[in-house]
């Protein structure tokens, strides 16, 4: 092979790789992709005895608006996670969509369940996100390309916190539900949450950083 042809081939490969990485990190998700679900296989040892499908992304403002035409959000944030909804409203949306909320066990299993490939987090320490506006904590779904599980599920370590189906009674008798997977705000930085991180929130509360995703049985 001539040297010029070799360099041409190598340059093409390098440019193609660079383009792929740039597109992966900055490209917007196709509108149709918002509806995609990922298959999560069963895990008897973890108490998940049946496989299920889980939303690839958190439920967006645009999706929730189709269910509730009274839902309001900022212009241009159709593909941001829906927030400010109660646990009951999340349940109603899930039923309307033919789905349900995941249990904590299912949510945790979906985050660590593996196929053959590794998660992008396996060899890279998550870097905190610097905030320009401290009150701004949400991003377009799928914005953080490294926040992807081995099964291809996005935003399970950051973005909105997510309602789960599991509830408990607080000391004062309030019914609360467990939320998982949102950004943790510390000062002017957002830290990606660990799989063990969770919080409990009253089921009738509306918080600007709490949303949800759904699952569906076979």
N, C-alpha and C. Protein backbone atom coordinates (compact mmCIF):
# COMPACT_ATOMS: atom_id res chain seq x y z
N UNK A 1 0.85 -1.19 0.00
CA UNK A 1 0.00 0.00 0.00
C UNK A 1 0.88 1.25 0.00
N UNK A 2 0.57 2.20 -0.86
CA UNK A 2 1.32 3.42 -0.89
C UNK A 2 1.13 4.20 0.41
N UNK A 3 2.17 4.94 0.79
CA UNK A 3 2.12 5.71 2.05
C UNK A 3 0.98 6.71 2.03
N UNK A 4 0.78 7.36 0.86
CA UNK A 4 -0.29 8.37 0.78
C UNK A 4 -1.66 7.74 1.00
N UNK A 5 -1.87 6.53 0.45
CA UNK A 5 -3.15 5.85 0.62
C UNK A 5 -3.33 5.42 2.07
N UNK A 6 -2.24 4.94 2.69
CA UNK A 6 -2.31 4.54 4.10
C UNK A 6 -2.73 5.71 4.98
N UNK A 7 -2.07 6.87 4.77
CA UNK A 7 -2.39 8.04 5.57
C UNK A 7 -3.82 8.52 5.32
N UNK A 8 -4.26 8.38 4.10
CA UNK A 8 -5.63 8.78 3.76
C UNK A 8 -6.64 7.91 4.50
N UNK A 9 -6.38 6.59 4.52
CA UNK A 9 -7.27 5.66 5.21
C UNK A 9 -7.27 5.95 6.71
N UNK A 10 -6.08 6.14 7.29
CA UNK A 10 -5.98 6.41 8.72
C UNK A 10 -6.67 7.72 9.09
N UNK A 11 -6.52 8.74 8.25
CA UNK A 11 -7.16 10.03 8.51
C UNK A 11 -8.67 9.89 8.47
N UNK A 12 -9.16 9.10 7.51
CA UNK A 12 -10.60 8.87 7.40
C UNK A 12 -11.14 8.19 8.65
N UNK A 13 -10.40 7.19 9.14
CA UNK A 13 -10.82 6.47 10.34
C UNK A 13 -10.84 7.41 11.55
N UNK A 14 -9.78 8.20 11.70
CA UNK A 14 -9.70 9.13 12.83
C UNK A 14 -10.79 10.17 12.79
N UNK A 15 -11.05 10.73 11.60
CA UNK A 15 -12.11 11.72 11.46
C UNK A 15 -13.47 11.10 11.75
N UNK A 16 -13.67 9.87 11.28
CA UNK A 16 -14.93 9.18 11.53
C UNK A 16 -15.14 8.91 13.00
N UNK A 17 -14.07 8.51 13.69
CA UNK A 17 -14.16 8.26 15.13
C UNK A 17 -14.46 9.54 15.89
N UNK A 18 -13.75 10.63 15.53
CA UNK A 18 -13.96 11.92 16.18
C UNK A 18 -15.39 12.40 15.97
N UNK A 19 -15.91 12.23 14.76
CA UNK A 19 -17.28 12.64 14.48
C UNK A 19 -18.27 11.82 15.30
N UNK A 20 -18.04 10.53 15.40
CA UNK A 20 -18.94 9.67 16.16
C UNK A 20 -18.99 10.07 17.63
N UNK A 21 -17.80 10.37 18.20
CA UNK A 21 -17.74 10.78 19.61
C UNK A 21 -18.44 12.13 19.80
N UNK A 22 -18.16 13.06 18.90
CA UNK A 22 -18.81 14.37 19.00
C UNK A 22 -20.32 14.25 18.89
N UNK A 23 -20.78 13.45 17.93
CA UNK A 23 -22.21 13.28 17.73
C UNK A 23 -22.86 12.61 18.93
N UNK A 24 -22.15 11.65 19.54
CA UNK A 24 -22.68 10.96 20.71
C UNK A 24 -22.81 11.90 21.89
N UNK A 25 -21.85 12.82 22.04
CA UNK A 25 -21.84 13.71 23.20
C UNK A 25 -22.73 14.93 23.02
N UNK A 26 -22.95 15.36 21.78
CA UNK A 26 -23.69 16.60 21.56
C UNK A 26 -24.98 16.42 20.78
N UNK A 27 -25.13 15.29 20.12
CA UNK A 27 -26.31 15.09 19.28
C UNK A 27 -27.59 14.99 20.09
N UNK A 28 -28.68 15.50 19.54
CA UNK A 28 -29.97 15.42 20.21
C UNK A 28 -30.62 14.08 19.91
N UNK A 29 -31.37 13.60 20.87
CA UNK A 29 -32.05 12.32 20.68
C UNK A 29 -33.17 12.49 19.66
N UNK A 30 -33.42 11.50 18.82
CA UNK A 30 -34.57 11.58 17.92
C UNK A 30 -35.85 11.61 18.73
N UNK A 31 -36.83 12.35 18.27
CA UNK A 31 -38.11 12.43 18.98
C UNK A 31 -38.70 11.04 19.19
N UNK A 32 -38.61 10.18 18.19
CA UNK A 32 -39.17 8.84 18.30
C UNK A 32 -38.48 8.01 19.37
N UNK A 33 -37.22 8.34 19.67
CA UNK A 33 -36.43 7.56 20.62
C UNK A 33 -36.91 7.75 22.05
N UNK A 34 -37.64 8.85 22.32
CA UNK A 34 -38.11 9.12 23.67
C UNK A 34 -39.03 8.00 24.15
N UNK A 35 -39.73 7.36 23.23
CA UNK A 35 -40.69 6.31 23.60
C UNK A 35 -40.05 4.94 23.79
N UNK A 36 -38.76 4.83 23.52
CA UNK A 36 -38.09 3.52 23.54
C UNK A 36 -38.02 2.96 24.96
N UNK A 37 -38.19 1.63 25.07
CA UNK A 37 -38.01 0.94 26.34
C UNK A 37 -36.91 -0.11 26.17
N UNK A 38 -36.24 -0.44 27.26
CA UNK A 38 -35.18 -1.44 27.24
C UNK A 38 -35.60 -2.67 28.04
N UNK A 39 -35.27 -3.83 27.53
CA UNK A 39 -35.58 -5.08 28.22
C UNK A 39 -34.59 -5.30 29.35
N UNK A 40 -35.11 -5.56 30.55
CA UNK A 40 -34.30 -5.85 31.72
C UNK A 40 -34.54 -7.31 32.10
N UNK A 41 -33.56 -8.18 31.97
CA UNK A 41 -33.76 -9.60 32.26
C UNK A 41 -33.98 -9.86 33.75
N UNK A 42 -34.58 -11.01 34.05
CA UNK A 42 -34.88 -11.37 35.43
C UNK A 42 -33.61 -11.60 36.24
N UNK A 43 -33.73 -11.46 37.56
CA UNK A 43 -32.60 -11.68 38.47
C UNK A 43 -33.12 -12.29 39.76
N UNK A 44 -33.30 -13.63 39.82
CA UNK A 44 -33.86 -14.28 41.01
C UNK A 44 -33.10 -13.95 42.29
N UNK A 45 -31.78 -13.81 42.19
CA UNK A 45 -30.99 -13.55 43.40
C UNK A 45 -31.27 -12.17 43.98
N UNK A 46 -31.79 -11.26 43.15
CA UNK A 46 -32.07 -9.91 43.62
C UNK A 46 -33.55 -9.70 43.89
N UNK A 47 -34.32 -10.76 43.87
CA UNK A 47 -35.74 -10.64 44.14
C UNK A 47 -36.57 -10.21 42.95
N UNK A 48 -35.95 -10.08 41.77
CA UNK A 48 -36.69 -9.75 40.56
C UNK A 48 -36.89 -11.04 39.78
N UNK A 49 -38.07 -11.61 39.90
CA UNK A 49 -38.29 -12.95 39.36
C UNK A 49 -38.83 -12.96 37.94
N UNK A 50 -39.17 -11.81 37.42
CA UNK A 50 -39.63 -11.71 36.05
C UNK A 50 -38.89 -10.57 35.36
N UNK A 51 -38.61 -10.74 34.08
CA UNK A 51 -38.03 -9.64 33.34
C UNK A 51 -39.08 -8.58 33.06
N UNK A 52 -38.65 -7.39 32.70
CA UNK A 52 -39.59 -6.31 32.43
C UNK A 52 -38.93 -5.30 31.49
N UNK A 53 -39.74 -4.43 30.93
CA UNK A 53 -39.23 -3.34 30.11
C UNK A 53 -39.19 -2.07 30.95
N UNK A 54 -38.15 -1.25 30.75
CA UNK A 54 -38.04 0.03 31.45
C UNK A 54 -37.83 1.14 30.43
N UNK A 55 -38.43 2.31 30.69
CA UNK A 55 -38.23 3.46 29.82
C UNK A 55 -36.74 3.79 29.70
N UNK A 56 -36.29 4.01 28.49
CA UNK A 56 -34.90 4.38 28.27
C UNK A 56 -34.61 5.75 28.90
N UNK A 57 -35.59 6.65 28.85
CA UNK A 57 -35.45 7.99 29.41
C UNK A 57 -36.51 8.24 30.47
N UNK A 58 -36.29 9.26 31.28
CA UNK A 58 -37.34 9.71 32.19
C UNK A 58 -38.50 10.26 31.37
N UNK A 59 -39.71 10.17 31.89
CA UNK A 59 -40.88 10.70 31.20
C UNK A 59 -40.68 12.20 31.00
N UNK A 60 -40.92 12.68 29.80
CA UNK A 60 -40.67 14.08 29.46
C UNK A 60 -41.93 14.93 29.58
N UNK A 61 -41.71 16.25 29.55
CA UNK A 61 -42.83 17.19 29.56
C UNK A 61 -43.78 16.93 28.40
N UNK A 62 -43.20 16.68 27.22
CA UNK A 62 -44.02 16.43 26.04
C UNK A 62 -44.88 15.20 26.18
N UNK A 63 -44.30 14.14 26.73
CA UNK A 63 -45.08 12.92 26.94
C UNK A 63 -46.20 13.14 27.95
N UNK A 64 -45.87 13.81 29.06
CA UNK A 64 -46.87 14.01 30.10
C UNK A 64 -47.98 14.93 29.61
N UNK A 65 -47.66 15.90 28.74
CA UNK A 65 -48.66 16.82 28.20
C UNK A 65 -49.72 16.08 27.41
N UNK A 66 -49.33 15.01 26.73
CA UNK A 66 -50.31 14.22 25.99
C UNK A 66 -51.34 13.59 26.91
N UNK A 67 -50.90 13.30 28.13
CA UNK A 67 -51.80 12.73 29.14
C UNK A 67 -52.61 13.82 29.84
N UNK A 68 -51.98 14.95 30.14
CA UNK A 68 -52.63 16.04 30.85
C UNK A 68 -52.38 17.35 30.10
N UNK A 69 -53.36 17.79 29.31
CA UNK A 69 -53.20 18.98 28.49
C UNK A 69 -53.12 20.27 29.32
N UNK A 70 -53.34 20.16 30.62
CA UNK A 70 -53.20 21.31 31.50
C UNK A 70 -51.75 21.48 31.97
N UNK A 71 -50.92 20.51 31.67
CA UNK A 71 -49.52 20.56 32.12
C UNK A 71 -48.79 21.70 31.42
N UNK A 72 -48.08 22.53 32.19
CA UNK A 72 -47.36 23.67 31.65
C UNK A 72 -45.85 23.52 31.89
N UNK A 73 -45.08 23.99 30.92
CA UNK A 73 -43.62 23.94 31.05
C UNK A 73 -43.01 25.02 30.18
N UNK A 74 -41.73 25.31 30.40
CA UNK A 74 -41.05 26.35 29.66
C UNK A 74 -40.92 25.98 28.18
N UNK A 75 -41.03 26.98 27.32
CA UNK A 75 -40.86 26.74 25.89
C UNK A 75 -39.48 26.16 25.63
N UNK A 76 -39.42 25.14 24.80
CA UNK A 76 -38.15 24.51 24.47
C UNK A 76 -37.76 23.39 25.41
N UNK A 77 -38.60 23.09 26.40
CA UNK A 77 -38.28 22.04 27.36
C UNK A 77 -39.20 20.83 27.21
N UNK A 78 -39.64 20.59 25.98
CA UNK A 78 -40.49 19.43 25.72
C UNK A 78 -39.79 18.12 26.06
N UNK A 79 -38.49 18.08 25.85
CA UNK A 79 -37.73 16.85 26.09
C UNK A 79 -36.97 16.88 27.41
N UNK A 80 -37.35 17.77 28.31
CA UNK A 80 -36.83 17.77 29.67
C UNK A 80 -37.69 16.83 30.51
N UNK A 81 -37.15 16.25 31.58
CA UNK A 81 -37.98 15.38 32.42
C UNK A 81 -39.13 16.16 33.06
N UNK A 82 -40.31 15.57 33.04
CA UNK A 82 -41.44 16.20 33.71
C UNK A 82 -41.20 16.16 35.22
N UNK A 83 -41.46 17.27 35.88
CA UNK A 83 -41.31 17.35 37.33
C UNK A 83 -42.51 18.11 37.90
N UNK A 84 -42.53 18.24 39.23
CA UNK A 84 -43.65 18.94 39.85
C UNK A 84 -44.92 18.13 39.83
N UNK A 85 -44.80 16.82 39.70
CA UNK A 85 -45.97 15.94 39.72
C UNK A 85 -45.93 15.10 40.99
N UNK A 86 -47.09 14.83 41.56
CA UNK A 86 -47.16 14.01 42.76
C UNK A 86 -46.98 12.54 42.40
N UNK A 87 -46.79 11.74 43.42
CA UNK A 87 -46.67 10.29 43.23
C UNK A 87 -47.95 9.74 42.62
N UNK A 88 -49.09 10.26 43.07
CA UNK A 88 -50.38 9.80 42.54
C UNK A 88 -50.52 10.12 41.06
N UNK A 89 -50.06 11.30 40.64
CA UNK A 89 -50.13 11.68 39.23
C UNK A 89 -49.21 10.82 38.39
N UNK A 90 -48.05 10.46 38.95
CA UNK A 90 -47.15 9.55 38.24
C UNK A 90 -47.81 8.19 38.05
N UNK A 91 -48.50 7.71 39.08
CA UNK A 91 -49.23 6.44 38.97
C UNK A 91 -50.30 6.52 37.89
N UNK A 92 -51.04 7.63 37.86
CA UNK A 92 -52.11 7.79 36.88
C UNK A 92 -51.56 7.81 35.46
N UNK A 93 -50.45 8.52 35.26
CA UNK A 93 -49.83 8.54 33.94
C UNK A 93 -49.40 7.14 33.53
N UNK A 94 -48.76 6.43 34.45
CA UNK A 94 -48.28 5.08 34.14
C UNK A 94 -49.44 4.17 33.72
N UNK A 95 -50.56 4.24 34.43
CA UNK A 95 -51.73 3.42 34.07
C UNK A 95 -52.26 3.82 32.70
N UNK A 96 -52.31 5.13 32.46
CA UNK A 96 -52.79 5.63 31.17
C UNK A 96 -51.92 5.13 30.03
N UNK A 97 -50.62 5.03 30.27
CA UNK A 97 -49.67 4.59 29.24
C UNK A 97 -49.56 3.07 29.17
N UNK A 98 -50.32 2.34 30.00
CA UNK A 98 -50.23 0.88 30.01
C UNK A 98 -48.99 0.38 30.71
N UNK A 99 -48.49 1.16 31.65
CA UNK A 99 -47.26 0.81 32.35
C UNK A 99 -47.50 0.91 33.86
N UNK A 100 -46.41 0.96 34.62
CA UNK A 100 -46.48 1.13 36.07
C UNK A 100 -45.17 1.72 36.55
N UNK A 101 -45.13 2.12 37.83
CA UNK A 101 -43.88 2.60 38.41
C UNK A 101 -43.03 1.40 38.84
N UNK A 102 -41.71 1.49 38.72
CA UNK A 102 -40.86 0.39 39.16
C UNK A 102 -40.75 0.33 40.67
N UNK A 103 -40.56 -0.85 41.20
CA UNK A 103 -40.22 -0.97 42.61
C UNK A 103 -38.76 -0.56 42.79
N UNK A 104 -38.35 -0.33 44.03
CA UNK A 104 -36.95 0.01 44.29
C UNK A 104 -36.04 -1.12 43.83
N UNK A 105 -36.43 -2.37 44.11
CA UNK A 105 -35.62 -3.51 43.69
C UNK A 105 -35.45 -3.56 42.18
N UNK A 106 -36.55 -3.33 41.46
CA UNK A 106 -36.48 -3.34 40.00
C UNK A 106 -35.61 -2.21 39.50
N UNK A 107 -35.77 -1.03 40.09
CA UNK A 107 -34.98 0.13 39.66
C UNK A 107 -33.49 -0.14 39.85
N UNK A 108 -33.11 -0.64 41.01
CA UNK A 108 -31.70 -0.90 41.29
C UNK A 108 -31.16 -2.02 40.40
N UNK A 109 -31.96 -3.03 40.18
CA UNK A 109 -31.52 -4.12 39.30
C UNK A 109 -31.32 -3.62 37.87
N UNK A 110 -32.24 -2.76 37.39
CA UNK A 110 -32.11 -2.24 36.03
C UNK A 110 -30.84 -1.42 35.87
N UNK A 111 -30.43 -0.73 36.92
CA UNK A 111 -29.24 0.11 36.82
C UNK A 111 -27.96 -0.71 36.75
N UNK A 112 -27.91 -1.85 37.44
CA UNK A 112 -26.65 -2.60 37.45
C UNK A 112 -26.70 -3.86 36.57
N UNK A 113 -27.86 -4.18 36.00
CA UNK A 113 -27.95 -5.36 35.14
C UNK A 113 -27.03 -5.20 33.94
N UNK A 114 -26.39 -6.31 33.54
CA UNK A 114 -25.38 -6.25 32.49
C UNK A 114 -25.69 -7.15 31.31
N UNK A 115 -25.28 -6.66 30.14
CA UNK A 115 -25.12 -7.52 28.98
C UNK A 115 -23.61 -7.75 28.88
N UNK A 116 -23.08 -7.89 27.71
CA UNK A 116 -21.64 -8.15 27.58
C UNK A 116 -20.81 -6.89 27.75
N UNK A 117 -21.37 -5.75 27.32
CA UNK A 117 -20.56 -4.54 27.35
C UNK A 117 -20.49 -3.94 28.75
N UNK A 118 -19.49 -3.08 28.93
CA UNK A 118 -19.33 -2.39 30.21
C UNK A 118 -20.09 -1.07 30.17
N UNK A 119 -20.38 -0.55 31.35
CA UNK A 119 -20.98 0.77 31.45
C UNK A 119 -19.90 1.83 31.23
N UNK A 120 -20.25 2.98 30.62
CA UNK A 120 -19.27 4.06 30.47
C UNK A 120 -18.71 4.56 31.79
N UNK A 121 -19.41 4.27 32.91
CA UNK A 121 -18.92 4.73 34.21
C UNK A 121 -17.83 3.81 34.77
N UNK A 122 -17.64 2.64 34.20
CA UNK A 122 -16.79 1.63 34.83
C UNK A 122 -15.35 2.09 35.07
N UNK A 123 -14.80 2.87 34.16
CA UNK A 123 -13.39 3.25 34.29
C UNK A 123 -13.20 4.76 34.44
N UNK A 124 -14.30 5.49 34.56
CA UNK A 124 -14.20 6.95 34.64
C UNK A 124 -14.97 7.45 35.84
N UNK A 125 -14.31 8.25 36.66
CA UNK A 125 -14.97 8.83 37.83
C UNK A 125 -15.91 9.95 37.37
N UNK A 126 -17.19 9.91 37.77
CA UNK A 126 -18.12 10.97 37.36
C UNK A 126 -17.66 12.34 37.87
N UNK A 127 -17.61 13.30 36.98
CA UNK A 127 -17.19 14.65 37.34
C UNK A 127 -18.42 15.49 37.66
N UNK A 128 -18.42 16.23 38.78
CA UNK A 128 -19.59 17.06 39.12
C UNK A 128 -19.89 18.08 38.02
N UNK A 129 -21.15 18.43 37.90
CA UNK A 129 -21.59 19.41 36.92
C UNK A 129 -21.63 20.78 37.58
N UNK A 130 -20.88 21.74 37.02
CA UNK A 130 -20.86 23.10 37.55
C UNK A 130 -22.12 23.83 37.08
N UNK A 131 -22.80 24.49 38.00
CA UNK A 131 -24.02 25.20 37.66
C UNK A 131 -23.76 26.69 37.45
N UNK A 132 -24.28 27.23 36.36
CA UNK A 132 -24.22 28.68 36.16
C UNK A 132 -25.32 29.35 36.97
N UNK A 133 -26.47 28.68 37.06
CA UNK A 133 -27.58 29.18 37.85
C UNK A 133 -27.91 28.13 38.91
N UNK A 134 -27.68 28.43 40.19
CA UNK A 134 -27.87 27.43 41.25
C UNK A 134 -29.27 26.81 41.29
N UNK A 135 -30.29 27.56 40.83
CA UNK A 135 -31.65 27.03 40.91
C UNK A 135 -31.99 26.11 39.73
N UNK A 136 -31.06 26.01 38.77
CA UNK A 136 -31.34 25.24 37.56
C UNK A 136 -30.70 23.86 37.68
N UNK A 137 -31.51 22.82 37.83
CA UNK A 137 -30.98 21.49 38.13
C UNK A 137 -31.33 20.42 37.12
N UNK A 138 -32.09 20.77 36.09
CA UNK A 138 -32.55 19.77 35.14
C UNK A 138 -31.97 20.01 33.75
N UNK A 139 -31.86 18.93 32.99
CA UNK A 139 -31.30 18.99 31.65
C UNK A 139 -32.15 18.12 30.72
N UNK A 140 -31.99 18.35 29.44
CA UNK A 140 -32.67 17.52 28.45
C UNK A 140 -32.33 16.06 28.69
N UNK A 141 -33.31 15.18 28.58
CA UNK A 141 -33.05 13.77 28.84
C UNK A 141 -31.95 13.27 27.90
N UNK A 142 -31.08 12.43 28.43
CA UNK A 142 -30.00 11.88 27.62
C UNK A 142 -28.83 12.83 27.39
N UNK A 143 -28.78 13.96 28.12
CA UNK A 143 -27.72 14.95 27.89
C UNK A 143 -26.34 14.45 28.30
N UNK A 144 -26.29 13.57 29.29
CA UNK A 144 -24.99 13.11 29.81
C UNK A 144 -24.71 11.71 29.27
N UNK A 145 -23.95 11.66 28.20
CA UNK A 145 -23.78 10.40 27.47
C UNK A 145 -23.12 9.33 28.31
N UNK A 146 -22.31 9.72 29.32
CA UNK A 146 -21.68 8.70 30.16
C UNK A 146 -22.67 8.10 31.15
N UNK A 147 -23.75 8.81 31.42
CA UNK A 147 -24.75 8.30 32.36
C UNK A 147 -25.66 7.32 31.62
N UNK A 148 -25.09 6.19 31.27
CA UNK A 148 -25.79 5.15 30.52
C UNK A 148 -25.50 3.80 31.16
N UNK A 149 -26.52 3.03 31.47
CA UNK A 149 -26.30 1.71 32.05
C UNK A 149 -25.85 0.74 30.97
N UNK A 150 -25.33 -0.43 31.35
CA UNK A 150 -24.94 -1.43 30.35
C UNK A 150 -26.11 -1.89 29.46
N UNK A 151 -27.35 -1.69 29.93
CA UNK A 151 -28.51 -2.05 29.11
C UNK A 151 -28.98 -0.89 28.24
N UNK A 152 -28.31 0.25 28.34
CA UNK A 152 -28.65 1.38 27.49
C UNK A 152 -29.69 2.32 28.07
N UNK A 153 -29.94 2.25 29.38
CA UNK A 153 -30.91 3.14 30.03
C UNK A 153 -30.19 4.40 30.48
N UNK A 154 -30.79 5.56 30.20
CA UNK A 154 -30.15 6.85 30.44
C UNK A 154 -30.61 7.51 31.74
N UNK A 155 -29.74 8.35 32.27
CA UNK A 155 -30.07 9.26 33.38
C UNK A 155 -30.49 8.56 34.67
N UNK A 156 -29.88 7.44 34.99
CA UNK A 156 -30.21 6.77 36.25
C UNK A 156 -29.28 7.19 37.38
N UNK A 157 -28.34 8.09 37.08
CA UNK A 157 -27.45 8.61 38.12
C UNK A 157 -27.54 10.12 38.22
N UNK A 158 -28.37 10.72 37.38
CA UNK A 158 -28.49 12.17 37.38
C UNK A 158 -29.78 12.64 36.75
N UNK A 159 -29.94 13.94 36.64
CA UNK A 159 -31.17 14.59 36.20
C UNK A 159 -32.22 14.49 37.31
N UNK A 160 -33.49 14.33 36.97
CA UNK A 160 -34.53 14.35 38.01
C UNK A 160 -34.46 13.11 38.90
N UNK A 161 -34.88 13.28 40.16
CA UNK A 161 -35.12 12.13 41.02
C UNK A 161 -36.39 11.44 40.53
N UNK A 162 -36.50 10.14 40.77
CA UNK A 162 -37.60 9.38 40.17
C UNK A 162 -38.45 8.67 41.23
N UNK A 163 -39.76 8.92 41.15
CA UNK A 163 -40.68 8.19 42.01
C UNK A 163 -40.57 6.69 41.76
N UNK A 164 -40.65 5.90 42.81
CA UNK A 164 -40.79 4.44 42.67
C UNK A 164 -42.12 4.02 43.27
N UNK A 165 -42.46 2.77 43.11
CA UNK A 165 -43.74 2.26 43.63
C UNK A 165 -43.71 2.02 45.13
N UNK A 166 -42.53 2.00 45.72
CA UNK A 166 -42.41 1.64 47.14
C UNK A 166 -42.75 2.83 48.06
N UNK A 167 -43.61 2.56 49.03
CA UNK A 167 -44.01 3.59 49.99
C UNK A 167 -43.74 3.14 51.42
N UNK A 168 -43.76 4.09 52.34
CA UNK A 168 -43.59 3.79 53.76
C UNK A 168 -44.21 4.93 54.56
N UNK A 169 -44.45 4.67 55.83
CA UNK A 169 -44.99 5.69 56.72
C UNK A 169 -43.86 6.36 57.48
N UNK A 170 -43.84 7.69 57.45
CA UNK A 170 -42.85 8.43 58.22
C UNK A 170 -43.26 8.47 59.69
N UNK A 171 -42.40 8.97 60.54
CA UNK A 171 -42.66 8.98 61.98
C UNK A 171 -43.94 9.72 62.33
N UNK A 172 -44.27 10.74 61.54
CA UNK A 172 -45.49 11.52 61.83
C UNK A 172 -46.74 10.96 61.16
N UNK A 173 -46.60 9.78 60.54
CA UNK A 173 -47.73 9.13 59.90
C UNK A 173 -47.92 9.48 58.44
N UNK A 174 -47.10 10.39 57.91
CA UNK A 174 -47.20 10.78 56.51
C UNK A 174 -46.83 9.63 55.58
N UNK A 175 -47.63 9.42 54.54
CA UNK A 175 -47.29 8.42 53.54
C UNK A 175 -46.27 9.01 52.58
N UNK A 176 -45.15 8.34 52.43
CA UNK A 176 -44.08 8.83 51.56
C UNK A 176 -43.66 7.71 50.61
N UNK A 177 -43.06 8.10 49.48
CA UNK A 177 -42.54 7.14 48.51
C UNK A 177 -41.04 7.33 48.38
N UNK A 178 -40.35 6.28 47.98
CA UNK A 178 -38.89 6.34 47.81
C UNK A 178 -38.57 6.84 46.41
N UNK A 179 -37.63 7.78 46.32
CA UNK A 179 -37.17 8.28 45.03
C UNK A 179 -35.72 7.88 44.83
N UNK A 180 -35.34 7.69 43.55
CA UNK A 180 -34.00 7.21 43.23
C UNK A 180 -33.42 8.01 42.06
N UNK A 181 -32.08 8.06 42.04
CA UNK A 181 -31.35 8.37 40.82
C UNK A 181 -31.18 9.80 40.38
N UNK A 182 -31.47 10.80 41.22
CA UNK A 182 -31.34 12.17 40.77
C UNK A 182 -30.00 12.80 41.11
N UNK A 183 -29.76 13.98 40.57
CA UNK A 183 -28.58 14.73 40.93
C UNK A 183 -28.63 15.13 42.40
N UNK A 184 -27.47 15.18 43.04
CA UNK A 184 -27.36 15.64 44.41
C UNK A 184 -26.70 17.01 44.39
N UNK A 185 -27.43 18.02 44.87
CA UNK A 185 -26.94 19.39 44.84
C UNK A 185 -26.10 19.70 46.07
N UNK A 186 -24.86 20.12 45.83
CA UNK A 186 -23.97 20.52 46.91
C UNK A 186 -23.29 21.82 46.50
N UNK A 187 -23.69 22.91 47.17
CA UNK A 187 -23.15 24.21 46.80
C UNK A 187 -23.58 24.58 45.40
N UNK A 188 -22.63 24.80 44.52
CA UNK A 188 -22.93 25.17 43.14
C UNK A 188 -22.61 24.03 42.18
N UNK A 189 -22.63 22.79 42.69
CA UNK A 189 -22.31 21.64 41.87
C UNK A 189 -23.39 20.56 41.98
N UNK A 190 -23.57 19.84 40.89
CA UNK A 190 -24.46 18.68 40.88
C UNK A 190 -23.60 17.43 40.83
N UNK A 191 -23.80 16.54 41.79
CA UNK A 191 -23.06 15.29 41.84
C UNK A 191 -23.96 14.14 41.38
N UNK A 192 -23.41 13.25 40.57
CA UNK A 192 -24.15 12.07 40.16
C UNK A 192 -24.37 11.17 41.37
N UNK A 193 -25.57 10.63 41.50
CA UNK A 193 -25.90 9.80 42.66
C UNK A 193 -25.42 8.37 42.47
N UNK A 194 -25.20 7.70 43.58
CA UNK A 194 -24.82 6.29 43.57
C UNK A 194 -26.06 5.42 43.59
N UNK A 195 -25.90 4.17 43.26
CA UNK A 195 -27.05 3.27 43.20
C UNK A 195 -27.74 3.12 44.55
N UNK A 196 -27.00 3.31 45.64
CA UNK A 196 -27.58 3.16 46.97
C UNK A 196 -28.26 4.43 47.47
N UNK A 197 -28.05 5.56 46.79
CA UNK A 197 -28.64 6.83 47.24
C UNK A 197 -30.14 6.84 47.00
N UNK A 198 -30.87 7.34 47.96
CA UNK A 198 -32.32 7.44 47.82
C UNK A 198 -32.83 8.50 48.79
N UNK A 199 -34.10 8.83 48.67
CA UNK A 199 -34.73 9.77 49.58
C UNK A 199 -36.19 9.37 49.70
N UNK A 200 -36.87 9.91 50.70
CA UNK A 200 -38.30 9.66 50.88
C UNK A 200 -39.02 10.99 50.82
N UNK A 201 -40.08 11.04 50.02
CA UNK A 201 -40.83 12.28 49.81
C UNK A 201 -42.32 11.97 49.94
N UNK A 202 -43.04 12.86 50.61
CA UNK A 202 -44.48 12.68 50.78
C UNK A 202 -45.15 12.54 49.42
N UNK A 203 -46.08 11.60 49.32
CA UNK A 203 -46.66 11.25 48.03
C UNK A 203 -47.48 12.38 47.39
N UNK A 204 -47.89 13.37 48.19
CA UNK A 204 -48.69 14.47 47.64
C UNK A 204 -47.86 15.72 47.38
N UNK A 205 -46.54 15.61 47.51
CA UNK A 205 -45.67 16.76 47.27
C UNK A 205 -45.38 16.94 45.78
N UNK A 206 -45.23 18.20 45.39
CA UNK A 206 -44.80 18.54 44.03
C UNK A 206 -43.46 19.25 44.13
N UNK A 207 -42.42 18.62 43.68
CA UNK A 207 -41.08 19.20 43.77
C UNK A 207 -40.50 19.42 42.38
N UNK A 208 -39.80 20.53 42.18
CA UNK A 208 -39.29 20.86 40.84
C UNK A 208 -38.14 20.00 40.35
N UNK A 209 -37.70 19.06 41.17
CA UNK A 209 -36.60 18.18 40.75
C UNK A 209 -36.97 16.70 40.87
N UNK A 210 -38.26 16.40 41.03
CA UNK A 210 -38.70 15.00 41.15
C UNK A 210 -39.63 14.65 39.99
N UNK A 211 -39.24 13.64 39.21
CA UNK A 211 -40.04 13.13 38.12
C UNK A 211 -40.20 11.63 38.23
N UNK A 212 -40.18 10.92 37.09
CA UNK A 212 -40.34 9.47 37.14
C UNK A 212 -40.07 8.87 35.78
N UNK A 213 -39.90 7.56 35.77
CA UNK A 213 -39.91 6.76 34.56
C UNK A 213 -40.77 5.55 34.82
N UNK A 214 -41.17 4.84 33.79
CA UNK A 214 -42.10 3.72 33.96
C UNK A 214 -41.48 2.40 33.53
N UNK A 215 -42.13 1.34 33.94
CA UNK A 215 -41.78 -0.01 33.48
C UNK A 215 -43.04 -0.68 32.97
N UNK A 216 -42.83 -1.73 32.21
CA UNK A 216 -43.96 -2.49 31.66
C UNK A 216 -43.61 -3.96 31.72
N UNK A 217 -44.55 -4.78 32.15
CA UNK A 217 -44.32 -6.22 32.17
C UNK A 217 -44.37 -6.76 30.75
N UNK A 218 -44.01 -8.02 30.61
CA UNK A 218 -43.99 -8.63 29.28
C UNK A 218 -45.30 -8.43 28.53
